[in-house]
Amino acid sequence: MIVNILLVAILACASLADSQALNCSELDRVTADVTTRARADHAQTRGDKFDEFDWRLSKELNAVEHGHGNIVISPISLKVVLAMLYEGARGTTAQQIGDALDLVNSTVARRRNTRDRFSAILTSLQTSEGEYKI
């Protein structure tokens, strides 16, 4: 995503004739702001291997389909459900859900961190700033 944003900015500045000059410094500033925000959002919500769950899930579902069909999934929905289950789980169940979501420690602080992480994700999906669309 960051690469796409930067590529659009470079192409926009390079492709404009002098008579249609867009304020490229302004475009660069906006691009830098969006890039910085995207990196911050990614760092805040990622965790150590947070995105790996999505890839593993996609890979497993594709294996079930044997690559013969298209699949559409919403990993965030599944992660939210698992996070809610994790809140109430104890013992082996908590450990298994924690392993699936890469939440290796089940301390109170870890659970609070998990709650905060998912809260931030859900809040970012409800944004009305128009910086990205779902």
Protein backbone atom coordinates (compact mmCIF):
# COMPACT_ATOMS: atom_id res chain seq x y z
CA MET A 1 0.00 0.00 0.00
CA ILE A 2 2.78 2.42 0.91
CA VAL A 3 4.55 1.64 -2.35
CA ASN A 4 1.35 2.34 -4.30
CA ILE A 5 0.88 5.70 -2.60
CA LEU A 6 4.45 6.73 -3.33
CA LEU A 7 4.20 5.53 -6.92
CA VAL A 8 1.04 7.58 -7.51
CA ALA A 9 2.73 10.68 -6.07
CA ILE A 10 5.82 10.25 -8.23
CA LEU A 11 3.82 9.63 -11.39
CA ALA A 12 1.51 12.56 -10.68
CA CYS A 13 4.42 14.95 -10.25
CA ALA A 14 6.36 13.60 -13.21
CA SER A 15 3.46 13.50 -15.65
CA LEU A 16 2.21 17.05 -15.26
CA ALA A 17 3.23 19.66 -17.78
CA ASP A 18 4.48 23.00 -16.49
CA SER A 19 1.20 24.66 -17.48
CA GLN A 20 -0.75 22.19 -15.34
CA ALA A 21 1.67 22.23 -12.47
CA LEU A 22 0.28 20.66 -9.37
CA ASN A 23 1.92 21.76 -6.20
CA CYS A 24 4.09 18.66 -5.92
CA SER A 25 5.45 19.71 -2.55
CA GLU A 26 1.86 19.69 -1.25
CA LEU A 27 1.28 16.27 -2.83
CA ASP A 28 4.52 15.05 -1.27
CA ARG A 29 3.39 16.33 2.13
CA VAL A 30 0.00 14.60 1.85
CA THR A 31 1.69 11.41 0.67
CA ALA A 32 4.11 11.54 3.59
CA ASP A 33 1.22 12.06 6.03
CA VAL A 34 -0.74 9.11 4.64
CA THR A 35 2.39 6.94 4.56
CA THR A 36 3.25 7.82 8.15
CA ARG A 37 -0.31 7.11 9.29
CA ALA A 38 -0.39 3.78 7.40
CA ARG A 39 2.87 2.73 9.01
CA ALA A 40 1.65 3.76 12.46
CA ASP A 41 -1.65 1.91 12.00
CA HIS A 42 0.20 -1.16 10.78
CA ALA A 43 2.69 -1.07 13.66
CA GLN A 44 -0.05 -0.49 16.22
CA THR A 45 -2.26 -3.35 15.09
CA ARG A 46 0.22 -5.85 13.79
CA GLY A 47 1.89 -7.39 16.82
CA ASP A 48 4.77 -9.77 16.16
CA LYS A 49 3.00 -12.04 13.68
CA PHE A 50 -0.49 -10.60 13.64
CA ASP A 51 -0.86 -10.69 9.85
CA GLU A 52 0.51 -14.20 9.58
CA PHE A 53 -2.84 -15.57 10.78
CA ASP A 54 -4.50 -14.14 7.65
CA TRP A 55 -1.97 -15.81 5.37
CA ARG A 56 -2.21 -19.16 7.14
CA LEU A 57 -6.01 -19.05 7.01
CA SER A 58 -6.01 -18.20 3.30
CA LYS A 59 -3.49 -20.93 2.57
CA GLU A 60 -5.50 -23.55 4.46
CA LEU A 61 -8.79 -22.59 2.80
CA ASN A 62 -7.14 -22.60 -0.61
CA ALA A 63 -5.77 -26.07 0.09
CA VAL A 64 -9.28 -27.28 0.95
CA GLU A 65 -10.51 -25.87 -2.37
CA HIS A 66 -7.49 -27.45 -4.10
CA GLY A 67 -6.96 -24.16 -5.90
CA HIS A 68 -10.07 -24.78 -8.06
CA GLY A 69 -12.23 -21.95 -6.87
CA ASN A 70 -12.23 -18.46 -5.59
CA ILE A 71 -12.65 -17.85 -1.91
CA VAL A 72 -13.66 -14.71 -0.09
CA ILE A 73 -12.95 -14.49 3.60
CA SER A 74 -12.82 -11.83 6.27
CA PRO A 75 -9.93 -12.74 8.56
CA ILE A 76 -10.64 -9.77 10.82
CA SER A 77 -14.11 -11.13 11.59
CA LEU A 78 -12.66 -14.47 12.61
CA LYS A 79 -9.91 -12.77 14.63
CA VAL A 80 -12.46 -10.65 16.50
CA VAL A 81 -14.52 -13.74 17.37
CA LEU A 82 -11.40 -15.59 18.51
CA ALA A 83 -10.31 -12.56 20.57
CA MET A 84 -13.70 -12.49 22.30
CA LEU A 85 -13.44 -16.22 23.01
CA TYR A 86 -9.90 -15.69 24.28
CA GLU A 87 -11.22 -13.17 26.82
CA GLY A 88 -13.24 -15.86 28.56
CA ALA A 89 -11.07 -18.88 27.85
CA ARG A 90 -8.77 -20.48 30.39
CA GLY A 91 -6.23 -23.27 30.37
CA THR A 92 -5.69 -25.30 27.20
CA THR A 93 -8.39 -23.46 25.27
CA ALA A 94 -6.83 -20.08 26.04
CA GLN A 95 -3.43 -21.43 25.05
CA GLN A 96 -4.72 -22.78 21.72
CA ILE A 97 -6.55 -19.57 20.82
CA GLY A 98 -3.52 -17.57 21.94
CA ASP A 99 -1.29 -19.68 19.72
CA ALA A 100 -3.60 -19.18 16.74
CA LEU A 101 -3.57 -15.41 17.20
CA ASP A 102 0.08 -15.30 18.32
CA LEU A 103 -0.85 -14.31 21.86
CA VAL A 104 1.65 -16.46 23.71
CA ASN A 105 1.22 -14.95 27.16
CA SER A 106 -2.13 -15.00 28.92
CA THR A 107 -1.37 -12.43 31.62
CA VAL A 108 -3.85 -9.69 32.44
CA ALA A 109 -1.59 -7.16 30.70
CA ARG A 110 -1.51 -9.31 27.55
CA ARG A 111 -5.29 -9.64 27.55
CA ARG A 112 -5.63 -5.86 27.97
CA ASN A 113 -3.16 -5.34 25.11
CA THR A 114 -5.16 -7.73 22.93
CA ARG A 115 -8.39 -5.92 23.80
CA ASP A 116 -6.80 -2.55 23.00
CA ARG A 117 -5.39 -3.85 19.71
CA PHE A 118 -8.74 -5.13 18.47
CA SER A 119 -10.50 -2.01 19.70
CA ALA A 120 -8.07 0.10 17.63
CA ILE A 121 -8.66 -2.07 14.56
CA LEU A 122 -12.44 -1.85 14.85
CA THR A 123 -12.28 1.89 15.45
CA SER A 124 -10.07 2.38 12.39
CA LEU A 125 -12.57 0.47 10.26
CA GLN A 126 -15.30 2.88 11.31
CA THR A 127 -13.34 6.01 10.42
CA SER A 128 -15.04 8.67 8.34
CA GLU A 129 -11.87 10.50 7.38
CA GLY A 130 -12.00 9.04 3.89
CA GLU A 131 -8.34 8.04 3.79
CA TYR A 132 -9.22 4.50 2.80
CA LYS A 133 -12.33 2.66 1.82
CA ILE A 134 -13.46 -0.82 2.66
